[in-house]
Amino acid sequence: MLKWVEDITQFIFLEDEPLSSDIIFVPGNGHALPSELAAQLYHKGYAPYILPSGRYAIGTSGFAGQKSGARLYDGPFDTEWAFMRHILLENGVPDSAILREDEATYTYQNAIYSRKRTDALQLIVRRALLCCMPVHARRARMYYETLYPEAELLVCPAQGADITRKNWMHSAEGIDTVLGEMARCGSQFHDILKDMML
């Protein structure tokens, strides 16, 4: 493999071993896998709360429906949050463990509004698990780290996705998706980084 292709792979596809945490974050999406993984981690005792976040994608008028997953979940759902909550409930997570954030329309808002929610609940987040699709791992962690700079964020990407660290460079869709993520990791952080001026 070309070294620069490997460098892109290492940058985009993050994966950490889960550790005992204060909360599990699930950024808004229409894929079943991240919420199913969050339910598994909850049942294994990794965290007492799960916070799915999301209304629906900016520029749309509603939740577009489930995009992927071996198991289909009956809708319709008004928001990404409602979809993810349904998956969590169907996978045995008690409603009392599911926090609510259903206003965010893009990934940065997922992080912003999740922080507002945990602050409102006076929930101290020292360590969190972040469940997302593998290709979204880097950008999701960048946003959540920006809003939770004091916390250790461990990325737990969903298994079974179509686009993975091993195959992305072998299809036009994989190449477009991964290089699109690379572009967004640059273009979406100009103002954030300038505001921080590290």
C-alpha atoms as a PDB file:
ATOM      1  CA  MET A   1       0.000   0.000   0.000  1.00  0.00           C
ATOM      2  CA  LEU A   2       1.211   3.516  -0.754  1.00  0.00           C
ATOM      3  CA  LYS A   3       2.463   5.282   2.365  1.00  0.00           C
ATOM      4  CA  TRP A   4       0.161   8.270   1.887  1.00  0.00           C
ATOM      5  CA  VAL A   5      -2.862   5.967   1.550  1.00  0.00           C
ATOM      6  CA  GLU A   6      -1.852   4.323   4.835  1.00  0.00           C
ATOM      7  CA  ASP A   7      -1.453   7.779   6.410  1.00  0.00           C
ATOM      8  CA  ILE A   8      -5.001   8.726   5.376  1.00  0.00           C
ATOM      9  CA  THR A   9      -6.281   5.411   6.723  1.00  0.00           C
ATOM     10  CA  GLN A  10      -4.599   5.949  10.093  1.00  0.00           C
ATOM     11  CA  PHE A  11      -5.930   9.515  10.290  1.00  0.00           C
ATOM     12  CA  ILE A  12      -9.567   8.798   9.455  1.00  0.00           C
ATOM     13  CA  PHE A  13     -10.203   5.361  10.968  1.00  0.00           C
ATOM     14  CA  LEU A  14      -9.737   5.670  14.717  1.00  0.00           C
ATOM     15  CA  GLU A  15     -10.471   2.873  17.164  1.00  0.00           C
ATOM     16  CA  ASP A  16      -9.918   2.661  20.905  1.00  0.00           C
ATOM     17  CA  GLU A  17     -10.501  -0.078  23.422  1.00  0.00           C
ATOM     18  CA  PRO A  18     -13.560   0.813  25.505  1.00  0.00           C
ATOM     19  CA  LEU A  19     -12.984   1.604  29.171  1.00  0.00           C
ATOM     20  CA  SER A  20     -15.355   2.364  32.024  1.00  0.00           C
ATOM     21  CA  SER A  21     -16.850   5.763  31.211  1.00  0.00           C
ATOM     22  CA  ASP A  22     -19.381   8.333  32.345  1.00  0.00           C
ATOM     23  CA  ILE A  23     -21.432   8.342  29.160  1.00  0.00           C
ATOM     24  CA  ILE A  24     -21.728   6.975  25.621  1.00  0.00           C
ATOM     25  CA  PHE A  25     -22.219   9.549  22.858  1.00  0.00           C
ATOM     26  CA  VAL A  26     -23.892   8.651  19.557  1.00  0.00           C
ATOM     27  CA  PRO A  27     -23.747  11.515  17.027  1.00  0.00           C
ATOM     28  CA  GLY A  28     -26.756  11.850  14.748  1.00  0.00           C
ATOM     29  CA  ASN A  29     -26.997   9.413  11.868  1.00  0.00           C
ATOM     30  CA  GLY A  30     -29.356   7.105  10.029  1.00  0.00           C
ATOM     31  CA  HIS A  31     -27.307   3.951  10.517  1.00  0.00           C
ATOM     32  CA  ALA A  32     -28.402   1.270  12.973  1.00  0.00           C
ATOM     33  CA  LEU A  33     -24.904  -0.004  13.783  1.00  0.00           C
ATOM     34  CA  PRO A  34     -23.655   2.793  16.100  1.00  0.00           C
ATOM     35  CA  SER A  35     -26.745   2.612  18.315  1.00  0.00           C
ATOM     36  CA  GLU A  36     -26.609  -1.184  18.389  1.00  0.00           C
ATOM     37  CA  LEU A  37     -22.968  -0.956  19.490  1.00  0.00           C
ATOM     38  CA  ALA A  38     -23.869   1.626  22.135  1.00  0.00           C
ATOM     39  CA  ALA A  39     -26.472  -0.790  23.513  1.00  0.00           C
ATOM     40  CA  GLN A  40     -23.888  -3.591  23.676  1.00  0.00           C
ATOM     41  CA  LEU A  41     -21.420  -1.363  25.513  1.00  0.00           C
ATOM     42  CA  TYR A  42     -24.152  -0.274  27.927  1.00  0.00           C
ATOM     43  CA  HIS A  43     -25.059  -3.887  28.710  1.00  0.00           C
ATOM     44  CA  LYS A  44     -21.387  -4.669  29.324  1.00  0.00           C
ATOM     45  CA  GLY A  45     -21.378  -1.970  31.981  1.00  0.00           C
ATOM     46  CA  TYR A  46     -19.104   0.554  30.287  1.00  0.00           C
ATOM     47  CA  ALA A  47     -21.338   3.563  31.036  1.00  0.00           C
ATOM     48  CA  PRO A  48     -24.620   4.334  32.843  1.00  0.00           C
ATOM     49  CA  TYR A  49     -25.968   6.724  30.200  1.00  0.00           C
ATOM     50  CA  ILE A  50     -26.258   6.966  26.424  1.00  0.00           C
ATOM     51  CA  LEU A  51     -26.764  10.316  24.710  1.00  0.00           C
ATOM     52  CA  PRO A  52     -27.912  10.019  21.101  1.00  0.00           C
ATOM     53  CA  SER A  53     -27.939  13.418  19.424  1.00  0.00           C
ATOM     54  CA  GLY A  54     -29.694  14.614  16.308  1.00  0.00           C
ATOM     55  CA  ARG A  55     -32.742  16.154  14.698  1.00  0.00           C
ATOM     56  CA  TYR A  56     -32.166  15.598  10.994  1.00  0.00           C
ATOM     57  CA  ALA A  57     -29.631  16.722   8.431  1.00  0.00           C
ATOM     58  CA  ILE A  58     -29.355  20.418   7.750  1.00  0.00           C
ATOM     59  CA  GLY A  59     -31.110  21.395   4.522  1.00  0.00           C
ATOM     60  CA  THR A  60     -33.705  18.631   4.812  1.00  0.00           C
ATOM     61  CA  SER A  61     -37.265  18.756   6.105  1.00  0.00           C
ATOM     62  CA  GLY A  62     -37.252  15.522   8.084  1.00  0.00           C
ATOM     63  CA  PHE A  63     -35.473  12.335   9.021  1.00  0.00           C
ATOM     64  CA  ALA A  64     -34.712  10.439   5.825  1.00  0.00           C
ATOM     65  CA  GLY A  65     -35.015   6.986   7.394  1.00  0.00           C
ATOM     66  CA  GLN A  66     -32.664   4.125   8.106  1.00  0.00           C
ATOM     67  CA  LYS A  67     -29.634   4.048   5.803  1.00  0.00           C
ATOM     68  CA  SER A  68     -28.052   0.738   6.741  1.00  0.00           C
ATOM     69  CA  GLY A  69     -28.067  -2.181   9.147  1.00  0.00           C
ATOM     70  CA  ALA A  70     -28.841  -5.872   8.954  1.00  0.00           C
ATOM     71  CA  ARG A  71     -31.912  -5.380  11.129  1.00  0.00           C
ATOM     72  CA  LEU A  72     -34.609  -2.988   9.960  1.00  0.00           C
ATOM     73  CA  TYR A  73     -36.336  -0.849  12.573  1.00  0.00           C
ATOM     74  CA  ASP A  74     -39.944   0.135  11.936  1.00  0.00           C
ATOM     75  CA  GLY A  75     -40.606   3.847  11.602  1.00  0.00           C
ATOM     76  CA  PRO A  76     -41.402   6.458  10.707  1.00  0.00           C
ATOM     77  CA  PHE A  77     -39.279   8.535  13.062  1.00  0.00           C
ATOM     78  CA  ASP A  78     -39.483  12.301  13.421  1.00  0.00           C
ATOM     79  CA  THR A  79     -35.798  12.733  14.263  1.00  0.00           C
ATOM     80  CA  GLU A  80     -32.473  10.935  14.288  1.00  0.00           C
ATOM     81  CA  TRP A  81     -32.733  10.905  18.086  1.00  0.00           C
ATOM     82  CA  ALA A  82     -36.108   9.117  17.948  1.00  0.00           C
ATOM     83  CA  PHE A  83     -34.635   6.552  15.538  1.00  0.00           C
ATOM     84  CA  MET A  84     -31.592   5.936  17.750  1.00  0.00           C
ATOM     85  CA  ARG A  85     -33.702   5.811  20.924  1.00  0.00           C
ATOM     86  CA  HIS A  86     -35.941   3.182  19.307  1.00  0.00           C
ATOM     87  CA  ILE A  87     -32.908   1.058  18.440  1.00  0.00           C
ATOM     88  CA  LEU A  88     -31.571   1.353  21.987  1.00  0.00           C
ATOM     89  CA  LEU A  89     -34.942   0.373  23.478  1.00  0.00           C
ATOM     90  CA  GLU A  90     -35.279  -2.549  21.052  1.00  0.00           C
ATOM     91  CA  ASN A  91     -31.840  -3.701  22.184  1.00  0.00           C
ATOM     92  CA  GLY A  92     -32.790  -3.703  25.855  1.00  0.00           C
ATOM     93  CA  VAL A  93     -31.505  -0.337  27.067  1.00  0.00           C
ATOM     94  CA  PRO A  94     -33.895   1.115  29.677  1.00  0.00           C
ATOM     95  CA  ASP A  95     -35.472   4.451  28.799  1.00  0.00           C
ATOM     96  CA  SER A  96     -34.061   5.927  32.013  1.00  0.00           C
ATOM     97  CA  ALA A  97     -30.509   5.466  30.662  1.00  0.00           C
ATOM     98  CA  ILE A  98     -31.218   7.283  27.369  1.00  0.00           C
ATOM     99  CA  LEU A  99     -30.684  11.037  27.443  1.00  0.00           C
ATOM    100  CA  ARG A 100     -32.313  13.335  24.887  1.00  0.00           C
ATOM    101  CA  GLU A 101     -30.849  15.765  22.383  1.00  0.00           C
ATOM    102  CA  ASP A 102     -33.003  16.206  19.302  1.00  0.00           C
ATOM    103  CA  GLU A 103     -32.134  19.662  17.968  1.00  0.00           C
ATOM    104  CA  ALA A 104     -28.726  19.183  16.277  1.00  0.00           C
ATOM    105  CA  THR A 105     -28.620  19.204  12.485  1.00  0.00           C
ATOM    106  CA  TYR A 106     -24.895  18.592  11.877  1.00  0.00           C
ATOM    107  CA  THR A 107     -21.973  17.000  13.694  1.00  0.00           C
ATOM    108  CA  TYR A 108     -20.625  20.111  15.397  1.00  0.00           C
ATOM    109  CA  GLN A 109     -24.094  20.799  16.791  1.00  0.00           C
ATOM    110  CA  ASN A 110     -24.213  17.186  18.024  1.00  0.00           C
ATOM    111  CA  ALA A 111     -21.232  18.018  20.205  1.00  0.00           C
ATOM    112  CA  ILE A 112     -22.416  21.518  21.171  1.00  0.00           C
ATOM    113  CA  TYR A 113     -25.904  20.450  22.193  1.00  0.00           C
ATOM    114  CA  SER A 114     -24.660  17.308  23.911  1.00  0.00           C
ATOM    115  CA  ARG A 115     -22.435  19.503  26.069  1.00  0.00           C
ATOM    116  CA  LYS A 116     -25.389  21.745  26.891  1.00  0.00           C
ATOM    117  CA  ARG A 117     -27.409  18.679  27.844  1.00  0.00           C
ATOM    118  CA  THR A 118     -24.776  17.145  30.112  1.00  0.00           C
ATOM    119  CA  ASP A 119     -24.113  20.533  31.721  1.00  0.00           C
ATOM    120  CA  ALA A 120     -27.847  21.020  32.354  1.00  0.00           C
ATOM    121  CA  LEU A 121     -27.912  17.616  34.068  1.00  0.00           C
ATOM    122  CA  GLN A 122     -24.733  18.516  35.998  1.00  0.00           C
ATOM    123  CA  LEU A 123     -23.162  15.375  34.615  1.00  0.00           C
ATOM    124  CA  ILE A 124     -19.388  15.409  34.942  1.00  0.00           C
ATOM    125  CA  VAL A 125     -17.796  13.761  31.899  1.00  0.00           C
ATOM    126  CA  ARG A 126     -14.252  12.641  32.619  1.00  0.00           C
ATOM    127  CA  ARG A 127     -14.269   9.851  30.064  1.00  0.00           C
ATOM    128  CA  ALA A 128     -16.733   9.101  27.276  1.00  0.00           C
ATOM    129  CA  LEU A 129     -17.202   6.509  24.570  1.00  0.00           C
ATOM    130  CA  LEU A 130     -18.067   7.794  21.107  1.00  0.00           C
ATOM    131  CA  CYS A 131     -20.016   5.368  18.900  1.00  0.00           C
ATOM    132  CA  CYS A 132     -20.074   6.260  15.215  1.00  0.00           C
ATOM    133  CA  MET A 133     -19.564   4.827  11.756  1.00  0.00           C
ATOM    134  CA  PRO A 134     -15.875   4.033  11.114  1.00  0.00           C
ATOM    135  CA  VAL A 135     -15.431   6.649   8.404  1.00  0.00           C
ATOM    136  CA  HIS A 136     -16.773   9.401  10.698  1.00  0.00           C
ATOM    137  CA  ALA A 137     -14.461   8.578  13.603  1.00  0.00           C
ATOM    138  CA  ARG A 138     -11.861  11.328  13.195  1.00  0.00           C
ATOM    139  CA  ARG A 139     -14.246  14.213  12.550  1.00  0.00           C
ATOM    140  CA  ALA A 140     -16.644  13.156  15.297  1.00  0.00           C
ATOM    141  CA  ARG A 141     -13.816  12.961  17.819  1.00  0.00           C
ATOM    142  CA  MET A 142     -12.479  16.357  16.726  1.00  0.00           C
ATOM    143  CA  TYR A 143     -15.844  17.969  17.418  1.00  0.00           C
ATOM    144  CA  TYR A 144     -16.507  16.219  20.719  1.00  0.00           C
ATOM    145  CA  GLU A 145     -12.953  16.910  21.921  1.00  0.00           C
ATOM    146  CA  THR A 146     -13.547  20.585  21.155  1.00  0.00           C
ATOM    147  CA  LEU A 147     -16.603  20.644  23.427  1.00  0.00           C
ATOM    148  CA  TYR A 148     -15.228  18.251  26.062  1.00  0.00           C
ATOM    149  CA  PRO A 149     -11.541  19.263  26.234  1.00  0.00           C
ATOM    150  CA  GLU A 150     -11.237  18.004  29.795  1.00  0.00           C
ATOM    151  CA  ALA A 151     -12.527  14.521  28.957  1.00  0.00           C
ATOM    152  CA  GLU A 152     -10.864  11.434  27.528  1.00  0.00           C
ATOM    153  CA  LEU A 153     -12.828  10.471  24.412  1.00  0.00           C
ATOM    154  CA  LEU A 154     -12.528   6.878  23.242  1.00  0.00           C
ATOM    155  CA  VAL A 155     -13.798   6.132  19.753  1.00  0.00           C
ATOM    156  CA  CYS A 156     -15.712   2.880  19.374  1.00  0.00           C
ATOM    157  CA  PRO A 157     -16.587   2.570  15.681  1.00  0.00           C
ATOM    158  CA  ALA A 158     -19.410   0.289  14.649  1.00  0.00           C
ATOM    159  CA  GLN A 159     -18.383  -3.026  13.145  1.00  0.00           C
ATOM    160  CA  GLY A 160     -19.904  -4.312   9.926  1.00  0.00           C
ATOM    161  CA  ALA A 161     -19.901  -1.046   7.964  1.00  0.00           C
ATOM    162  CA  ASP A 162     -19.601  -1.144   4.175  1.00  0.00           C
ATOM    163  CA  ILE A 163     -16.650   1.268   4.131  1.00  0.00           C
ATOM    164  CA  THR A 164     -13.753   0.224   6.358  1.00  0.00           C
ATOM    165  CA  ARG A 165     -10.063   0.900   6.885  1.00  0.00           C
ATOM    166  CA  LYS A 166      -9.275  -2.237   4.860  1.00  0.00           C
ATOM    167  CA  ASN A 167     -11.430  -1.642   1.788  1.00  0.00           C
ATOM    168  CA  TRP A 168     -12.045   2.091   1.299  1.00  0.00           C
ATOM    169  CA  MET A 169      -9.304   2.480  -1.326  1.00  0.00           C
ATOM    170  CA  HIS A 170     -10.773  -0.281  -3.519  1.00  0.00           C
ATOM    171  CA  SER A 171     -14.031   1.415  -4.576  1.00  0.00           C
ATOM    172  CA  ALA A 172     -15.039   4.759  -6.010  1.00  0.00           C
ATOM    173  CA  GLU A 173     -17.615   5.201  -3.230  1.00  0.00           C
ATOM    174  CA  GLY A 174     -15.016   4.463  -0.553  1.00  0.00           C
ATOM    175  CA  ILE A 175     -12.490   6.844  -2.064  1.00  0.00           C
ATOM    176  CA  ASP A 176     -15.063   9.635  -2.411  1.00  0.00           C
ATOM    177  CA  THR A 177     -16.342   9.111   1.131  1.00  0.00           C
ATOM    178  CA  VAL A 178     -12.961   8.972   2.846  1.00  0.00           C
ATOM    179  CA  LEU A 179     -11.420  11.843   0.896  1.00  0.00           C
ATOM    180  CA  GLY A 180     -14.614  13.799   1.541  1.00  0.00           C
ATOM    181  CA  GLU A 181     -14.042  13.257   5.258  1.00  0.00           C
ATOM    182  CA  MET A 182     -10.447  14.424   4.842  1.00  0.00           C
ATOM    183  CA  ALA A 183     -11.675  17.602   3.170  1.00  0.00           C
ATOM    184  CA  ARG A 184     -14.261  18.265   5.883  1.00  0.00           C
ATOM    185  CA  CYS A 185     -11.676  17.731   8.624  1.00  0.00           C
ATOM    186  CA  GLY A 186      -9.908  20.743   7.123  1.00  0.00           C
ATOM    187  CA  SER A 187     -12.692  22.946   5.817  1.00  0.00           C
ATOM    188  CA  GLN A 188     -14.997  22.727   8.839  1.00  0.00           C
ATOM    189  CA  PHE A 189     -12.390  23.647  11.433  1.00  0.00           C
ATOM    190  CA  HIS A 190     -11.008  26.973  10.162  1.00  0.00           C
ATOM    191  CA  ASP A 191     -13.144  29.175  12.412  1.00  0.00           C
ATOM    192  CA  ILE A 192     -13.010  26.793  15.367  1.00  0.00           C
ATOM    193  CA  LEU A 193      -9.233  26.717  15.410  1.00  0.00           C
ATOM    194  CA  LYS A 194      -8.930  30.472  14.844  1.00  0.00           C
ATOM    195  CA  ASP A 195     -11.266  31.082  17.778  1.00  0.00           C
ATOM    196  CA  MET A 196      -9.122  28.834  19.949  1.00  0.00           C
ATOM    197  CA  MET A 197      -5.765  30.165  18.627  1.00  0.00           C
ATOM    198  CA  LEU A 198      -3.854  27.440  20.489  1.00  0.00           C
END
